[in-house]
Amino acid sequence: MIHFDAIFLVDDDPINNLINRRLLGKVGIGDQIDEFLSGEKALEKISELNPHDSLLIFLDINMPVINGWEFLDRYCEIFPDREDKIVILSSSIDFQDRQRANEYSIVSGFLEKPLTIDKINGQMERYT
């Protein structure tokens, strides 16, 4: 199974982040798991990473300050050469959100909350 140097949970709900951190820890696909309650903080941290580190980001769409779409726009602008994996993790069931996510080549998946071990494993199988 693929392994990442870091996993970022970008969601303004600390309870979701706590639960998702525990699930991801059980699956063991990352060396470190960081939680961010805002997209801006996550973008700052990405800029501090080694450009060759592999990063998996679980991104919520509906967040204050900058939402998931704005995060993706900024990410693509700031880090055009990074080859990270970004998975939208949202409670949205809106088909238009799925279509919009497909417009970003950096987005490798769209999962509905809640995250489960089966959903994580299914997403990881796409990377092998």
N, C-alpha and C. Protein backbone atom coordinates (compact mmCIF):
# COMPACT_ATOMS: atom_id res chain seq x y z
N MET A 1 0.84 -1.19 0.00
CA MET A 1 0.00 0.00 0.00
C MET A 1 0.88 1.24 0.00
N ILE A 2 0.42 2.26 -0.66
CA ILE A 2 1.16 3.52 -0.74
C ILE A 2 1.33 4.13 0.65
N HIS A 3 2.44 4.83 0.85
CA HIS A 3 2.73 5.46 2.13
C HIS A 3 3.11 6.91 1.89
N PHE A 4 2.62 7.81 2.74
CA PHE A 4 2.88 9.24 2.59
C PHE A 4 3.77 9.74 3.72
N ASP A 5 4.58 10.75 3.38
CA ASP A 5 5.42 11.38 4.41
C ASP A 5 4.54 12.13 5.41
N ALA A 6 3.45 12.72 4.92
CA ALA A 6 2.55 13.47 5.79
C ALA A 6 1.12 13.40 5.26
N ILE A 7 0.17 13.49 6.19
CA ILE A 7 -1.24 13.58 5.85
C ILE A 7 -1.78 14.83 6.53
N PHE A 8 -2.49 15.65 5.77
CA PHE A 8 -3.11 16.86 6.32
C PHE A 8 -4.62 16.68 6.33
N LEU A 9 -5.22 17.00 7.46
CA LEU A 9 -6.67 17.05 7.58
C LEU A 9 -7.05 18.52 7.63
N VAL A 10 -7.73 19.01 6.61
CA VAL A 10 -8.10 20.42 6.54
C VAL A 10 -9.62 20.50 6.66
N ASP A 11 -10.07 20.79 7.88
CA ASP A 11 -11.50 20.82 8.18
C ASP A 11 -11.68 21.73 9.39
N ASP A 12 -12.67 22.59 9.36
CA ASP A 12 -12.88 23.53 10.46
C ASP A 12 -13.57 22.88 11.67
N ASP A 13 -13.87 21.59 11.59
CA ASP A 13 -14.51 20.87 12.69
C ASP A 13 -13.48 20.01 13.42
N PRO A 14 -13.09 20.41 14.64
CA PRO A 14 -12.05 19.66 15.35
C PRO A 14 -12.46 18.23 15.69
N ILE A 15 -13.74 17.97 15.87
CA ILE A 15 -14.19 16.61 16.17
C ILE A 15 -13.97 15.71 14.95
N ASN A 16 -14.34 16.21 13.76
CA ASN A 16 -14.08 15.44 12.53
C ASN A 16 -12.60 15.14 12.40
N ASN A 17 -11.77 16.14 12.65
CA ASN A 17 -10.32 15.94 12.54
C ASN A 17 -9.82 14.87 13.51
N LEU A 18 -10.33 14.90 14.74
CA LEU A 18 -9.91 13.93 15.74
C LEU A 18 -10.28 12.51 15.31
N ILE A 19 -11.51 12.33 14.89
CA ILE A 19 -11.97 11.01 14.45
C ILE A 19 -11.16 10.54 13.23
N ASN A 20 -10.98 11.44 12.26
CA ASN A 20 -10.26 11.08 11.04
C ASN A 20 -8.79 10.77 11.32
N ARG A 21 -8.20 11.49 12.26
CA ARG A 21 -6.81 11.22 12.65
C ARG A 21 -6.68 9.79 13.19
N ARG A 22 -7.63 9.39 14.03
CA ARG A 22 -7.58 8.05 14.62
C ARG A 22 -7.76 6.98 13.55
N LEU A 23 -8.70 7.21 12.63
CA LEU A 23 -8.92 6.24 11.54
C LEU A 23 -7.66 6.10 10.69
N LEU A 24 -7.08 7.22 10.30
CA LEU A 24 -5.89 7.19 9.45
C LEU A 24 -4.71 6.56 10.19
N GLY A 25 -4.64 6.78 11.50
CA GLY A 25 -3.59 6.15 12.30
C GLY A 25 -3.71 4.64 12.29
N LYS A 26 -4.94 4.14 12.31
CA LYS A 26 -5.16 2.68 12.28
C LYS A 26 -4.73 2.09 10.94
N VAL A 27 -4.95 2.83 9.86
CA VAL A 27 -4.60 2.32 8.53
C VAL A 27 -3.09 2.37 8.31
N GLY A 28 -2.42 3.34 8.94
CA GLY A 28 -0.96 3.41 8.88
C GLY A 28 -0.39 3.77 7.53
N ILE A 29 -0.95 4.77 6.89
CA ILE A 29 -0.47 5.16 5.55
C ILE A 29 0.37 6.42 5.56
N GLY A 30 0.61 6.99 6.75
CA GLY A 30 1.39 8.23 6.80
C GLY A 30 2.29 8.28 8.02
N ASP A 31 3.44 8.95 7.85
CA ASP A 31 4.39 9.11 8.95
C ASP A 31 3.87 10.09 9.99
N GLN A 32 3.15 11.11 9.52
CA GLN A 32 2.68 12.14 10.43
C GLN A 32 1.33 12.62 9.94
N ILE A 33 0.44 12.94 10.88
CA ILE A 33 -0.89 13.44 10.54
C ILE A 33 -1.06 14.78 11.23
N ASP A 34 -1.31 15.82 10.43
CA ASP A 34 -1.50 17.16 10.97
C ASP A 34 -2.93 17.63 10.70
N GLU A 35 -3.49 18.34 11.67
CA GLU A 35 -4.84 18.87 11.55
C GLU A 35 -4.79 20.38 11.39
N PHE A 36 -5.65 20.89 10.52
CA PHE A 36 -5.73 22.33 10.29
C PHE A 36 -7.19 22.74 10.29
N LEU A 37 -7.52 23.74 11.09
CA LEU A 37 -8.89 24.24 11.15
C LEU A 37 -9.15 25.29 10.08
N SER A 38 -8.09 25.69 9.37
CA SER A 38 -8.25 26.65 8.27
C SER A 38 -7.32 26.27 7.12
N GLY A 39 -7.79 26.57 5.92
CA GLY A 39 -7.00 26.31 4.74
C GLY A 39 -5.73 27.13 4.69
N GLU A 40 -5.80 28.35 5.22
CA GLU A 40 -4.62 29.22 5.19
C GLU A 40 -3.46 28.62 5.97
N LYS A 41 -3.76 28.07 7.14
CA LYS A 41 -2.70 27.45 7.96
C LYS A 41 -2.10 26.24 7.25
N ALA A 42 -2.94 25.48 6.58
CA ALA A 42 -2.44 24.32 5.84
C ALA A 42 -1.52 24.76 4.70
N LEU A 43 -1.90 25.79 3.98
CA LEU A 43 -1.07 26.30 2.88
C LEU A 43 0.28 26.78 3.41
N GLU A 44 0.27 27.45 4.56
CA GLU A 44 1.53 27.91 5.16
C GLU A 44 2.44 26.72 5.47
N LYS A 45 1.85 25.67 6.03
CA LYS A 45 2.65 24.50 6.41
C LYS A 45 3.20 23.77 5.18
N ILE A 46 2.40 23.71 4.11
CA ILE A 46 2.87 23.06 2.87
C ILE A 46 4.12 23.77 2.36
N SER A 47 4.14 25.09 2.47
CA SER A 47 5.30 25.85 1.98
C SER A 47 6.56 25.53 2.76
N GLU A 48 6.43 24.97 3.97
CA GLU A 48 7.58 24.61 4.80
C GLU A 48 8.07 23.19 4.53
N LEU A 49 7.29 22.41 3.81
CA LEU A 49 7.65 21.01 3.56
C LEU A 49 8.73 20.89 2.48
N ASN A 50 9.46 19.81 2.56
CA ASN A 50 10.38 19.46 1.49
C ASN A 50 9.54 19.23 0.23
N PRO A 51 9.91 19.83 -0.90
CA PRO A 51 9.09 19.68 -2.10
C PRO A 51 8.99 18.24 -2.60
N HIS A 52 9.86 17.36 -2.11
CA HIS A 52 9.84 15.97 -2.54
C HIS A 52 9.05 15.07 -1.58
N ASP A 53 8.62 15.62 -0.44
CA ASP A 53 7.81 14.84 0.49
C ASP A 53 6.45 14.53 -0.14
N SER A 54 5.99 13.31 0.06
CA SER A 54 4.66 12.95 -0.45
C SER A 54 3.62 13.35 0.59
N LEU A 55 2.59 14.02 0.11
CA LEU A 55 1.56 14.57 0.99
C LEU A 55 0.18 14.17 0.51
N LEU A 56 -0.64 13.72 1.45
CA LEU A 56 -2.04 13.41 1.19
C LEU A 56 -2.87 14.41 1.98
N ILE A 57 -3.78 15.09 1.31
CA ILE A 57 -4.62 16.10 1.97
C ILE A 57 -6.08 15.68 1.86
N PHE A 58 -6.75 15.62 3.02
CA PHE A 58 -8.20 15.47 3.05
C PHE A 58 -8.77 16.86 3.28
N LEU A 59 -9.57 17.34 2.33
CA LEU A 59 -10.00 18.73 2.31
C LEU A 59 -11.51 18.85 2.37
N ASP A 60 -12.00 19.61 3.35
CA ASP A 60 -13.42 19.92 3.44
C ASP A 60 -13.71 21.08 2.49
N ILE A 61 -14.93 21.12 1.97
CA ILE A 61 -15.30 22.21 1.06
C ILE A 61 -15.81 23.43 1.83
N ASN A 62 -16.72 23.18 2.77
CA ASN A 62 -17.40 24.28 3.46
C ASN A 62 -16.65 24.68 4.72
N MET A 63 -15.83 25.73 4.58
CA MET A 63 -15.07 26.26 5.71
C MET A 63 -15.12 27.78 5.65
N PRO A 64 -14.99 28.42 6.82
CA PRO A 64 -14.94 29.88 6.82
C PRO A 64 -13.60 30.41 6.31
N VAL A 65 -13.50 31.66 6.10
CA VAL A 65 -12.33 32.40 5.61
C VAL A 65 -12.03 31.99 4.16
N ILE A 66 -11.36 30.84 3.96
CA ILE A 66 -11.23 30.34 2.59
C ILE A 66 -11.85 28.94 2.56
N ASN A 67 -12.73 28.73 1.61
CA ASN A 67 -13.37 27.42 1.51
C ASN A 67 -12.47 26.46 0.72
N GLY A 68 -12.93 25.24 0.54
CA GLY A 68 -12.11 24.24 -0.15
C GLY A 68 -11.75 24.63 -1.57
N TRP A 69 -12.68 25.26 -2.27
CA TRP A 69 -12.41 25.67 -3.66
C TRP A 69 -11.33 26.75 -3.70
N GLU A 70 -11.42 27.70 -2.78
CA GLU A 70 -10.39 28.75 -2.73
C GLU A 70 -9.04 28.15 -2.34
N PHE A 71 -9.06 27.17 -1.44
CA PHE A 71 -7.83 26.47 -1.08
C PHE A 71 -7.20 25.84 -2.32
N LEU A 72 -8.02 25.14 -3.10
CA LEU A 72 -7.51 24.48 -4.32
C LEU A 72 -6.94 25.50 -5.30
N ASP A 73 -7.62 26.61 -5.48
CA ASP A 73 -7.12 27.65 -6.39
C ASP A 73 -5.77 28.17 -5.92
N ARG A 74 -5.66 28.46 -4.64
CA ARG A 74 -4.39 28.97 -4.09
C ARG A 74 -3.29 27.91 -4.17
N TYR A 75 -3.66 26.68 -3.83
CA TYR A 75 -2.69 25.58 -3.88
C TYR A 75 -2.11 25.48 -5.29
N CYS A 76 -2.96 25.45 -6.30
CA CYS A 76 -2.51 25.31 -7.69
C CYS A 76 -1.63 26.49 -8.11
N GLU A 77 -1.93 27.65 -7.60
CA GLU A 77 -1.16 28.85 -7.93
C GLU A 77 0.21 28.85 -7.24
N ILE A 78 0.22 28.48 -5.96
CA ILE A 78 1.45 28.55 -5.16
C ILE A 78 2.37 27.35 -5.39
N PHE A 79 1.78 26.17 -5.59
CA PHE A 79 2.56 24.93 -5.67
C PHE A 79 2.33 24.19 -6.99
N PRO A 80 2.61 24.80 -8.11
CA PRO A 80 2.30 24.15 -9.39
C PRO A 80 3.12 22.88 -9.65
N ASP A 81 4.25 22.72 -8.96
CA ASP A 81 5.12 21.58 -9.23
C ASP A 81 4.98 20.45 -8.21
N ARG A 82 4.21 20.66 -7.15
CA ARG A 82 4.03 19.58 -6.17
C ARG A 82 3.14 18.50 -6.76
N GLU A 83 3.36 17.28 -6.34
CA GLU A 83 2.58 16.15 -6.85
C GLU A 83 1.82 15.47 -5.72
N ASP A 84 1.21 16.26 -4.87
CA ASP A 84 0.45 15.74 -3.75
C ASP A 84 -0.87 15.14 -4.22
N LYS A 85 -1.51 14.42 -3.31
CA LYS A 85 -2.84 13.86 -3.55
C LYS A 85 -3.81 14.63 -2.67
N ILE A 86 -4.86 15.16 -3.28
CA ILE A 86 -5.89 15.87 -2.51
C ILE A 86 -7.21 15.15 -2.70
N VAL A 87 -7.83 14.81 -1.57
CA VAL A 87 -9.12 14.14 -1.57
C VAL A 87 -10.13 15.08 -0.91
N ILE A 88 -11.18 15.40 -1.64
CA ILE A 88 -12.26 16.19 -1.05
C ILE A 88 -13.00 15.26 -0.10
N LEU A 89 -13.19 15.71 1.13
CA LEU A 89 -13.95 14.97 2.13
C LEU A 89 -15.03 15.91 2.62
N SER A 90 -16.24 15.68 2.16
CA SER A 90 -17.30 16.65 2.39
C SER A 90 -18.62 15.98 2.74
N SER A 91 -19.46 16.72 3.42
CA SER A 91 -20.82 16.26 3.69
C SER A 91 -21.74 16.61 2.52
N SER A 92 -21.21 17.33 1.54
CA SER A 92 -22.00 17.72 0.38
C SER A 92 -22.33 16.50 -0.49
N ILE A 93 -23.58 16.42 -0.88
CA ILE A 93 -24.00 15.37 -1.82
C ILE A 93 -24.39 16.00 -3.16
N ASP A 94 -24.03 17.27 -3.32
CA ASP A 94 -24.36 18.02 -4.53
C ASP A 94 -23.51 17.52 -5.71
N PHE A 95 -24.17 17.07 -6.76
CA PHE A 95 -23.47 16.57 -7.94
C PHE A 95 -22.57 17.64 -8.54
N GLN A 96 -22.97 18.90 -8.45
CA GLN A 96 -22.15 19.99 -9.01
C GLN A 96 -20.82 20.10 -8.28
N ASP A 97 -20.79 19.79 -6.99
CA ASP A 97 -19.52 19.80 -6.26
C ASP A 97 -18.59 18.73 -6.80
N ARG A 98 -19.14 17.55 -7.08
CA ARG A 98 -18.32 16.48 -7.66
C ARG A 98 -17.77 16.89 -9.03
N GLN A 99 -18.63 17.49 -9.84
CA GLN A 99 -18.19 17.94 -11.17
C GLN A 99 -17.10 18.99 -11.04
N ARG A 100 -17.31 19.94 -10.12
CA ARG A 100 -16.31 20.99 -9.93
C ARG A 100 -14.98 20.41 -9.46
N ALA A 101 -15.03 19.42 -8.57
CA ALA A 101 -13.81 18.78 -8.09
C ALA A 101 -13.04 18.13 -9.24
N ASN A 102 -13.76 17.58 -10.20
CA ASN A 102 -13.12 16.93 -11.35
C ASN A 102 -12.38 17.92 -12.24
N GLU A 103 -12.68 19.21 -12.11
CA GLU A 103 -11.99 20.23 -12.90
C GLU A 103 -10.57 20.48 -12.41
N TYR A 104 -10.26 20.00 -11.22
CA TYR A 104 -8.92 20.18 -10.64
C TYR A 104 -8.14 18.88 -10.83
N SER A 105 -7.07 18.95 -11.60
CA SER A 105 -6.28 17.74 -11.84
C SER A 105 -5.62 17.24 -10.56
N ILE A 106 -5.42 18.12 -9.60
CA ILE A 106 -4.77 17.74 -8.34
C ILE A 106 -5.71 16.93 -7.44
N VAL A 107 -7.03 17.03 -7.67
CA VAL A 107 -7.99 16.30 -6.84
C VAL A 107 -8.07 14.85 -7.33
N SER A 108 -7.76 13.92 -6.42
CA SER A 108 -7.72 12.51 -6.81
C SER A 108 -8.90 11.71 -6.27
N GLY A 109 -9.80 12.38 -5.56
CA GLY A 109 -10.96 11.68 -5.04
C GLY A 109 -11.95 12.61 -4.39
N PHE A 110 -13.18 12.13 -4.25
CA PHE A 110 -14.25 12.88 -3.58
C PHE A 110 -14.99 11.89 -2.70
N LEU A 111 -14.83 12.03 -1.40
CA LEU A 111 -15.47 11.12 -0.45
C LEU A 111 -16.49 11.87 0.39
N GLU A 112 -17.59 11.20 0.67
CA GLU A 112 -18.60 11.78 1.54
C GLU A 112 -18.28 11.45 2.98
N LYS A 113 -18.49 12.43 3.86
CA LYS A 113 -18.35 12.18 5.29
C LYS A 113 -19.47 11.26 5.73
N PRO A 114 -19.22 10.44 6.72
CA PRO A 114 -17.98 10.33 7.50
C PRO A 114 -16.95 9.45 6.81
N LEU A 115 -15.70 9.72 7.13
CA LEU A 115 -14.61 8.90 6.62
C LEU A 115 -14.65 7.55 7.34
N THR A 116 -14.37 6.50 6.61
CA THR A 116 -14.30 5.15 7.19
C THR A 116 -13.02 4.47 6.72
N ILE A 117 -12.66 3.40 7.38
CA ILE A 117 -11.47 2.64 6.96
C ILE A 117 -11.68 2.09 5.55
N ASP A 118 -12.88 1.63 5.25
CA ASP A 118 -13.16 1.13 3.90
C ASP A 118 -12.97 2.22 2.85
N LYS A 119 -13.42 3.44 3.15
CA LYS A 119 -13.26 4.54 2.20
C LYS A 119 -11.78 4.89 2.02
N ILE A 120 -11.03 4.87 3.12
CA ILE A 120 -9.59 5.15 3.03
C ILE A 120 -8.92 4.09 2.17
N ASN A 121 -9.20 2.82 2.45
CA ASN A 121 -8.58 1.74 1.69
C ASN A 121 -8.96 1.81 0.21
N GLY A 122 -10.22 2.12 -0.08
CA GLY A 122 -10.66 2.25 -1.46
C GLY A 122 -9.92 3.36 -2.18
N GLN A 123 -9.70 4.48 -1.49
CA GLN A 123 -8.97 5.59 -2.08
C GLN A 123 -7.51 5.20 -2.31
N MET A 124 -6.90 4.49 -1.36
CA MET A 124 -5.49 4.11 -1.48
C MET A 124 -5.29 3.14 -2.64
N GLU A 125 -6.27 2.30 -2.90
CA GLU A 125 -6.15 1.37 -4.02
C GLU A 125 -6.04 2.11 -5.36
N ARG A 126 -6.56 3.30 -5.42
CA ARG A 126 -6.48 4.10 -6.65
C ARG A 126 -5.05 4.57 -6.92
N TYR A 127 -4.21 4.57 -5.91
CA TYR A 127 -2.84 5.07 -6.04
C TYR A 127 -1.83 3.97 -6.33
N THR A 128 -2.26 2.72 -6.40
CA THR A 128 -1.29 1.65 -6.61
C THR A 128 -1.21 1.26 -8.07
